Amino acid sequence: MRVVVQRSLKANVTVNDEVTGAINHGYVLLVAVTHEDTKEDAYYVADKIAKLRLFEDEHGKLNLSIQEVEGQILSISQFTLYGDSRKGRRPNFKAAAKPVQAKELYDLFNERLQSEHDLQVETGIFGEMMNVSLLNHGPITLIVESK
């Protein structure tokens, strides 16, 4: 799994001009699944993200987790993170998981964040064309991978 983590002051996602998910402060996650990923990968990445310390403490140091600042998560499925553009001008997506497997692991990932880490998780709609709007905070952006 590959997840781009962006710290955000506020964000939302729309599908067909309808807001399907919105947060005030926390993380916007762009989540990609490859065909080799398993349930353990989804759990590992969810646990890692929940415990990342990307928020400032009273001394301005990145010492606080999303749980400690009562942040929220906007999780967006993003198979294009496994796009390979090394050859030609149009990327191939051979490394991305097929939709059925990807949706299953994406859902497990989001459920893990909610059930094990008590985080509010908002989402777009898997497989749909989505418009994501966010106000980056910092900006702080990381890539978290399972392998």
N, C-alpha and C. Protein backbone atom coordinates (compact mmCIF):
# COMPACT_ATOMS: atom_id res chain seq x y z
N MET A 1 0.86 -1.18 0.00
CA MET A 1 0.00 0.00 0.00
C MET A 1 0.89 1.22 0.00
N ARG A 2 0.39 2.23 -0.62
CA ARG A 2 1.08 3.52 -0.67
C ARG A 2 0.04 4.60 -0.34
N VAL A 3 0.39 5.44 0.65
CA VAL A 3 -0.53 6.49 1.07
C VAL A 3 0.23 7.81 1.14
N VAL A 4 -0.30 8.82 0.47
CA VAL A 4 0.21 10.17 0.61
C VAL A 4 -0.60 10.82 1.74
N VAL A 5 0.12 11.30 2.74
CA VAL A 5 -0.48 11.92 3.92
C VAL A 5 -0.23 13.43 3.82
N GLN A 6 -1.31 14.21 3.79
CA GLN A 6 -1.19 15.67 3.76
C GLN A 6 -1.91 16.24 4.97
N ARG A 7 -1.17 17.01 5.76
CA ARG A 7 -1.80 17.69 6.89
C ARG A 7 -2.64 18.82 6.34
N SER A 8 -3.86 18.95 6.85
CA SER A 8 -4.81 19.88 6.27
C SER A 8 -5.58 20.64 7.35
N LEU A 9 -5.88 21.91 7.06
CA LEU A 9 -6.74 22.70 7.96
C LEU A 9 -8.21 22.42 7.70
N LYS A 10 -8.55 22.15 6.43
CA LYS A 10 -9.90 21.74 6.07
C LYS A 10 -9.84 21.14 4.67
N ALA A 11 -10.80 20.25 4.39
CA ALA A 11 -10.81 19.58 3.09
C ALA A 11 -12.19 18.98 2.85
N ASN A 12 -12.48 18.78 1.57
CA ASN A 12 -13.71 18.07 1.21
C ASN A 12 -13.54 17.39 -0.14
N VAL A 13 -14.41 16.44 -0.39
CA VAL A 13 -14.42 15.74 -1.66
C VAL A 13 -15.85 15.77 -2.19
N THR A 14 -15.97 16.02 -3.49
CA THR A 14 -17.28 16.02 -4.13
C THR A 14 -17.30 15.00 -5.26
N VAL A 15 -18.47 14.40 -5.45
CA VAL A 15 -18.74 13.51 -6.57
C VAL A 15 -20.03 14.00 -7.19
N ASN A 16 -19.97 14.31 -8.48
CA ASN A 16 -21.15 14.86 -9.18
C ASN A 16 -21.73 16.07 -8.45
N ASP A 17 -20.85 16.98 -8.06
CA ASP A 17 -21.22 18.22 -7.38
C ASP A 17 -21.87 18.03 -6.01
N GLU A 18 -21.75 16.84 -5.43
CA GLU A 18 -22.29 16.57 -4.10
C GLU A 18 -21.13 16.24 -3.16
N VAL A 19 -21.07 16.92 -2.01
CA VAL A 19 -20.03 16.64 -1.03
C VAL A 19 -20.30 15.27 -0.42
N THR A 20 -19.29 14.38 -0.52
CA THR A 20 -19.43 13.05 0.07
C THR A 20 -18.60 12.90 1.33
N GLY A 21 -17.67 13.82 1.56
CA GLY A 21 -16.86 13.79 2.77
C GLY A 21 -16.22 15.14 3.00
N ALA A 22 -16.12 15.54 4.27
CA ALA A 22 -15.50 16.83 4.61
C ALA A 22 -14.91 16.73 6.02
N ILE A 23 -13.77 17.42 6.21
CA ILE A 23 -13.13 17.48 7.53
C ILE A 23 -12.74 18.92 7.84
N ASN A 24 -12.52 19.19 9.12
CA ASN A 24 -12.02 20.49 9.53
C ASN A 24 -10.51 20.48 9.58
N HIS A 25 -9.90 19.74 10.48
CA HIS A 25 -8.44 19.67 10.50
C HIS A 25 -8.01 18.21 10.69
N GLY A 26 -6.90 17.88 10.09
CA GLY A 26 -6.40 16.52 10.20
C GLY A 26 -5.58 16.15 8.99
N TYR A 27 -5.89 14.98 8.42
CA TYR A 27 -5.15 14.48 7.27
C TYR A 27 -6.06 14.26 6.08
N VAL A 28 -5.53 14.59 4.91
CA VAL A 28 -6.10 14.10 3.66
C VAL A 28 -5.19 12.96 3.24
N LEU A 29 -5.77 11.79 3.01
CA LEU A 29 -5.01 10.61 2.64
C LEU A 29 -5.38 10.20 1.22
N LEU A 30 -4.38 10.07 0.37
CA LEU A 30 -4.55 9.51 -0.96
C LEU A 30 -4.04 8.08 -0.87
N VAL A 31 -4.92 7.11 -1.07
CA VAL A 31 -4.64 5.71 -0.73
C VAL A 31 -4.62 4.85 -1.99
N ALA A 32 -3.50 4.13 -2.20
CA ALA A 32 -3.36 3.24 -3.35
C ALA A 32 -3.03 1.83 -2.88
N VAL A 33 -3.57 0.86 -3.58
CA VAL A 33 -3.36 -0.55 -3.28
C VAL A 33 -2.71 -1.21 -4.49
N THR A 34 -1.68 -2.02 -4.24
CA THR A 34 -1.06 -2.79 -5.30
C THR A 34 -1.51 -4.25 -5.18
N HIS A 35 -1.35 -5.01 -6.25
CA HIS A 35 -1.86 -6.39 -6.30
C HIS A 35 -1.21 -7.32 -5.27
N GLU A 36 -0.08 -6.95 -4.71
CA GLU A 36 0.61 -7.77 -3.72
C GLU A 36 0.14 -7.49 -2.28
N ASP A 37 -0.67 -6.48 -2.09
CA ASP A 37 -1.07 -6.08 -0.74
C ASP A 37 -2.05 -7.08 -0.12
N THR A 38 -1.98 -7.14 1.22
CA THR A 38 -2.84 -8.02 2.00
C THR A 38 -3.51 -7.21 3.11
N LYS A 39 -4.33 -7.90 3.87
CA LYS A 39 -4.98 -7.28 5.03
C LYS A 39 -3.92 -6.74 6.00
N GLU A 40 -2.83 -7.45 6.16
CA GLU A 40 -1.77 -7.02 7.07
C GLU A 40 -1.16 -5.69 6.61
N ASP A 41 -1.04 -5.50 5.29
CA ASP A 41 -0.53 -4.23 4.77
C ASP A 41 -1.48 -3.09 5.11
N ALA A 42 -2.77 -3.32 4.94
CA ALA A 42 -3.76 -2.28 5.25
C ALA A 42 -3.70 -1.92 6.73
N TYR A 43 -3.58 -2.91 7.60
CA TYR A 43 -3.51 -2.67 9.03
C TYR A 43 -2.21 -1.94 9.40
N TYR A 44 -1.10 -2.38 8.83
CA TYR A 44 0.19 -1.75 9.12
C TYR A 44 0.17 -0.26 8.79
N VAL A 45 -0.31 0.07 7.59
CA VAL A 45 -0.30 1.47 7.15
C VAL A 45 -1.29 2.29 7.99
N ALA A 46 -2.45 1.75 8.28
CA ALA A 46 -3.42 2.47 9.12
C ALA A 46 -2.84 2.75 10.50
N ASP A 47 -2.22 1.74 11.10
CA ASP A 47 -1.63 1.91 12.43
C ASP A 47 -0.50 2.94 12.41
N LYS A 48 0.32 2.89 11.38
CA LYS A 48 1.44 3.83 11.25
C LYS A 48 0.91 5.27 11.15
N ILE A 49 -0.07 5.48 10.31
CA ILE A 49 -0.62 6.82 10.09
C ILE A 49 -1.28 7.35 11.37
N ALA A 50 -2.00 6.50 12.07
CA ALA A 50 -2.66 6.93 13.30
C ALA A 50 -1.67 7.39 14.36
N LYS A 51 -0.47 6.83 14.35
CA LYS A 51 0.53 7.15 15.37
C LYS A 51 1.56 8.18 14.93
N LEU A 52 1.54 8.59 13.65
CA LEU A 52 2.50 9.61 13.20
C LEU A 52 2.35 10.86 14.05
N ARG A 53 3.47 11.50 14.32
CA ARG A 53 3.45 12.75 15.10
C ARG A 53 3.75 13.90 14.16
N LEU A 54 2.69 14.45 13.58
CA LEU A 54 2.82 15.51 12.58
C LEU A 54 2.17 16.82 12.99
N PHE A 55 1.80 16.92 14.26
CA PHE A 55 1.20 18.15 14.77
C PHE A 55 2.08 18.73 15.87
N GLU A 56 2.14 20.06 15.93
CA GLU A 56 3.01 20.74 16.88
C GLU A 56 2.49 20.68 18.30
N ASP A 57 3.43 20.54 19.24
CA ASP A 57 3.13 20.66 20.65
C ASP A 57 3.28 22.13 21.06
N GLU A 58 3.24 22.40 22.36
CA GLU A 58 3.33 23.79 22.84
C GLU A 58 4.68 24.44 22.55
N HIS A 59 5.68 23.64 22.18
CA HIS A 59 7.01 24.16 21.86
C HIS A 59 7.26 24.25 20.35
N GLY A 60 6.22 23.96 19.56
CA GLY A 60 6.36 24.03 18.11
C GLY A 60 7.02 22.81 17.49
N LYS A 61 7.21 21.75 18.25
CA LYS A 61 7.82 20.51 17.76
C LYS A 61 6.74 19.55 17.29
N LEU A 62 7.03 18.79 16.24
CA LEU A 62 6.07 17.80 15.74
C LEU A 62 6.06 16.59 16.66
N ASN A 63 5.28 16.69 17.73
CA ASN A 63 5.24 15.65 18.76
C ASN A 63 3.85 15.08 19.00
N LEU A 64 2.84 15.59 18.32
CA LEU A 64 1.47 15.15 18.60
C LEU A 64 0.88 14.38 17.42
N SER A 65 0.13 13.34 17.74
CA SER A 65 -0.54 12.53 16.72
C SER A 65 -1.90 13.14 16.38
N ILE A 66 -2.50 12.62 15.35
CA ILE A 66 -3.84 13.09 14.95
C ILE A 66 -4.86 12.83 16.05
N GLN A 67 -4.67 11.74 16.79
CA GLN A 67 -5.58 11.45 17.90
C GLN A 67 -5.46 12.50 19.00
N GLU A 68 -4.24 12.91 19.29
CA GLU A 68 -4.01 13.86 20.37
C GLU A 68 -4.56 15.25 20.06
N VAL A 69 -4.67 15.60 18.78
CA VAL A 69 -5.22 16.91 18.42
C VAL A 69 -6.69 16.80 17.99
N GLU A 70 -7.26 15.59 18.16
CA GLU A 70 -8.65 15.33 17.78
C GLU A 70 -8.91 15.70 16.33
N GLY A 71 -7.99 15.30 15.47
CA GLY A 71 -8.12 15.55 14.04
C GLY A 71 -9.00 14.52 13.36
N GLN A 72 -9.31 14.81 12.12
CA GLN A 72 -10.17 13.94 11.31
C GLN A 72 -9.41 13.52 10.06
N ILE A 73 -9.93 12.53 9.38
CA ILE A 73 -9.29 12.02 8.17
C ILE A 73 -10.26 12.07 7.00
N LEU A 74 -9.75 12.57 5.87
CA LEU A 74 -10.46 12.46 4.59
C LEU A 74 -9.65 11.49 3.75
N SER A 75 -10.19 10.32 3.50
CA SER A 75 -9.50 9.24 2.80
C SER A 75 -10.04 9.11 1.38
N ILE A 76 -9.12 9.19 0.41
CA ILE A 76 -9.50 9.16 -1.00
C ILE A 76 -8.77 8.00 -1.68
N SER A 77 -9.50 7.13 -2.36
CA SER A 77 -8.86 6.06 -3.12
C SER A 77 -8.16 6.69 -4.33
N GLN A 78 -6.92 6.24 -4.60
CA GLN A 78 -6.09 6.92 -5.61
C GLN A 78 -5.16 5.91 -6.29
N PHE A 79 -5.73 5.07 -7.19
CA PHE A 79 -4.91 4.04 -7.84
C PHE A 79 -3.76 4.62 -8.66
N THR A 80 -3.86 5.87 -9.06
CA THR A 80 -2.82 6.46 -9.91
C THR A 80 -1.49 6.62 -9.20
N LEU A 81 -1.46 6.44 -7.87
CA LEU A 81 -0.19 6.48 -7.15
C LEU A 81 0.73 5.33 -7.57
N TYR A 82 0.16 4.32 -8.20
CA TYR A 82 0.96 3.21 -8.72
C TYR A 82 1.17 3.34 -10.23
N GLY A 83 0.99 4.53 -10.76
CA GLY A 83 1.26 4.75 -12.18
C GLY A 83 2.76 4.75 -12.46
N ASP A 84 3.14 4.13 -13.55
CA ASP A 84 4.55 4.07 -13.96
C ASP A 84 4.70 4.87 -15.25
N SER A 85 5.47 5.96 -15.17
CA SER A 85 5.63 6.84 -16.34
C SER A 85 7.06 6.83 -16.87
N ARG A 86 7.81 5.78 -16.54
CA ARG A 86 9.20 5.73 -16.99
C ARG A 86 9.33 5.56 -18.51
N LYS A 87 8.37 4.90 -19.13
CA LYS A 87 8.41 4.70 -20.58
C LYS A 87 7.24 5.44 -21.22
N GLY A 88 7.51 6.12 -22.31
CA GLY A 88 6.44 6.81 -23.02
C GLY A 88 5.93 8.01 -22.26
N ARG A 89 4.77 8.47 -22.69
CA ARG A 89 4.16 9.67 -22.08
C ARG A 89 2.86 9.38 -21.38
N ARG A 90 2.38 8.18 -21.52
CA ARG A 90 1.14 7.81 -20.84
C ARG A 90 1.48 6.75 -19.80
N PRO A 91 1.17 6.98 -18.54
CA PRO A 91 1.53 6.00 -17.50
C PRO A 91 0.75 4.71 -17.64
N ASN A 92 1.37 3.61 -17.19
CA ASN A 92 0.62 2.36 -17.08
C ASN A 92 0.35 2.13 -15.59
N PHE A 93 -0.68 1.38 -15.35
CA PHE A 93 -1.12 1.16 -13.97
C PHE A 93 -1.11 -0.33 -13.62
N LYS A 94 -0.18 -1.07 -14.20
CA LYS A 94 -0.09 -2.52 -13.98
C LYS A 94 0.13 -2.87 -12.52
N ALA A 95 0.80 -2.01 -11.78
CA ALA A 95 1.09 -2.31 -10.37
C ALA A 95 -0.13 -2.09 -9.47
N ALA A 96 -1.12 -1.36 -9.95
CA ALA A 96 -2.31 -1.11 -9.13
C ALA A 96 -3.17 -2.37 -9.05
N ALA A 97 -3.76 -2.59 -7.89
CA ALA A 97 -4.63 -3.75 -7.70
C ALA A 97 -5.88 -3.62 -8.53
N LYS A 98 -6.48 -4.75 -8.86
CA LYS A 98 -7.77 -4.76 -9.54
C LYS A 98 -8.82 -4.17 -8.60
N PRO A 99 -9.88 -3.59 -9.14
CA PRO A 99 -10.86 -2.88 -8.31
C PRO A 99 -11.44 -3.67 -7.14
N VAL A 100 -11.76 -4.93 -7.31
CA VAL A 100 -12.38 -5.69 -6.21
C VAL A 100 -11.42 -5.81 -5.04
N GLN A 101 -10.17 -6.19 -5.31
CA GLN A 101 -9.16 -6.30 -4.24
C GLN A 101 -8.86 -4.94 -3.64
N ALA A 102 -8.72 -3.93 -4.49
CA ALA A 102 -8.39 -2.58 -4.00
C ALA A 102 -9.48 -2.05 -3.07
N LYS A 103 -10.72 -2.22 -3.46
CA LYS A 103 -11.82 -1.71 -2.63
C LYS A 103 -11.87 -2.43 -1.29
N GLU A 104 -11.66 -3.75 -1.31
CA GLU A 104 -11.68 -4.52 -0.07
C GLU A 104 -10.61 -4.01 0.90
N LEU A 105 -9.39 -3.82 0.41
CA LEU A 105 -8.31 -3.37 1.28
C LEU A 105 -8.45 -1.90 1.67
N TYR A 106 -8.95 -1.09 0.75
CA TYR A 106 -9.21 0.32 1.07
C TYR A 106 -10.24 0.41 2.20
N ASP A 107 -11.30 -0.38 2.11
CA ASP A 107 -12.33 -0.38 3.15
C ASP A 107 -11.76 -0.88 4.48
N LEU A 108 -10.94 -1.94 4.45
CA LEU A 108 -10.31 -2.44 5.67
C LEU A 108 -9.42 -1.38 6.31
N PHE A 109 -8.66 -0.68 5.49
CA PHE A 109 -7.79 0.40 5.94
C PHE A 109 -8.60 1.46 6.69
N ASN A 110 -9.69 1.92 6.08
CA ASN A 110 -10.53 2.95 6.70
C ASN A 110 -11.20 2.44 7.97
N GLU A 111 -11.67 1.19 7.94
CA GLU A 111 -12.30 0.61 9.13
C GLU A 111 -11.31 0.50 10.28
N ARG A 112 -10.07 0.17 9.96
CA ARG A 112 -9.03 0.05 11.00
C ARG A 112 -8.79 1.40 11.67
N LEU A 113 -8.73 2.46 10.88
CA LEU A 113 -8.55 3.80 11.44
C LEU A 113 -9.69 4.16 12.38
N GLN A 114 -10.90 3.75 12.01
CA GLN A 114 -12.08 4.07 12.84
C GLN A 114 -12.16 3.18 14.07
N SER A 115 -12.07 1.87 13.88
CA SER A 115 -12.33 0.95 14.99
C SER A 115 -11.16 0.83 15.96
N GLU A 116 -9.96 0.76 15.47
CA GLU A 116 -8.80 0.57 16.35
C GLU A 116 -8.23 1.88 16.89
N HIS A 117 -8.44 2.97 16.16
CA HIS A 117 -7.82 4.24 16.55
C HIS A 117 -8.83 5.35 16.84
N ASP A 118 -10.11 5.01 16.76
CA ASP A 118 -11.19 5.92 17.13
C ASP A 118 -11.10 7.25 16.38
N LEU A 119 -10.79 7.17 15.09
CA LEU A 119 -10.69 8.38 14.26
C LEU A 119 -11.93 8.53 13.39
N GLN A 120 -12.34 9.76 13.20
CA GLN A 120 -13.43 10.04 12.26
C GLN A 120 -12.84 10.00 10.85
N VAL A 121 -13.41 9.15 10.00
CA VAL A 121 -12.92 9.00 8.63
C VAL A 121 -14.04 9.32 7.66
N GLU A 122 -13.80 10.31 6.83
CA GLU A 122 -14.71 10.67 5.74
C GLU A 122 -14.07 10.17 4.45
N THR A 123 -14.89 9.86 3.44
CA THR A 123 -14.35 9.33 2.19
C THR A 123 -15.07 9.92 0.99
N GLY A 124 -14.46 9.67 -0.16
CA GLY A 124 -15.13 9.91 -1.42
C GLY A 124 -15.91 8.65 -1.75
N ILE A 125 -16.10 8.38 -3.06
CA ILE A 125 -16.76 7.16 -3.50
C ILE A 125 -15.77 6.39 -4.35
N PHE A 126 -15.44 5.18 -3.92
CA PHE A 126 -14.45 4.37 -4.59
C PHE A 126 -14.79 4.21 -6.08
N GLY A 127 -13.80 4.44 -6.92
CA GLY A 127 -13.95 4.23 -8.35
C GLY A 127 -14.63 5.35 -9.12
N GLU A 128 -15.05 6.38 -8.43
CA GLU A 128 -15.73 7.50 -9.09
C GLU A 128 -14.75 8.63 -9.36
N MET A 129 -15.11 9.49 -10.28
CA MET A 129 -14.36 10.72 -10.52
C MET A 129 -14.67 11.66 -9.37
N MET A 130 -13.63 12.13 -8.70
CA MET A 130 -13.82 12.96 -7.52
C MET A 130 -13.05 14.27 -7.65
N ASN A 131 -13.56 15.30 -7.03
CA ASN A 131 -12.87 16.58 -6.90
C ASN A 131 -12.54 16.78 -5.43
N VAL A 132 -11.25 16.94 -5.16
CA VAL A 132 -10.79 17.09 -3.78
C VAL A 132 -10.29 18.52 -3.59
N SER A 133 -10.78 19.16 -2.56
CA SER A 133 -10.36 20.51 -2.22
C SER A 133 -9.76 20.47 -0.83
N LEU A 134 -8.55 21.06 -0.69
CA LEU A 134 -7.94 21.06 0.63
C LEU A 134 -7.09 22.30 0.84
N LEU A 135 -6.97 22.66 2.09
CA LEU A 135 -6.08 23.73 2.51
C LEU A 135 -4.96 23.07 3.29
N ASN A 136 -3.80 22.91 2.62
CA ASN A 136 -2.65 22.28 3.27
C ASN A 136 -2.22 23.10 4.48
N HIS A 137 -1.73 22.39 5.48
CA HIS A 137 -1.26 23.05 6.70
C HIS A 137 0.22 22.74 6.87
N GLY A 138 1.03 23.71 6.67
CA GLY A 138 2.48 23.56 6.81
C GLY A 138 3.23 24.07 5.60
N PRO A 139 3.14 23.47 4.49
CA PRO A 139 2.52 22.16 4.24
C PRO A 139 3.40 21.03 4.74
N ILE A 140 2.73 19.99 5.19
CA ILE A 140 3.42 18.76 5.58
C ILE A 140 2.81 17.65 4.75
N THR A 141 3.67 16.96 3.99
CA THR A 141 3.25 15.87 3.14
C THR A 141 4.26 14.73 3.26
N LEU A 142 3.76 13.53 3.52
CA LEU A 142 4.59 12.34 3.62
C LEU A 142 4.04 11.22 2.76
N ILE A 143 4.88 10.26 2.42
CA ILE A 143 4.43 9.03 1.79
C ILE A 143 4.70 7.90 2.76
N VAL A 144 3.66 7.11 3.03
CA VAL A 144 3.77 5.96 3.91
C VAL A 144 3.51 4.72 3.06
N GLU A 145 4.42 3.74 3.13
CA GLU A 145 4.27 2.52 2.35
C GLU A 145 4.37 1.30 3.25
N SER A 146 3.71 0.24 2.83
CA SER A 146 3.72 -0.98 3.63
C SER A 146 4.93 -1.85 3.33
N LYS A 147 5.50 -1.76 2.14
CA LYS A 147 6.63 -2.62 1.78
C LYS A 147 7.81 -1.78 1.40
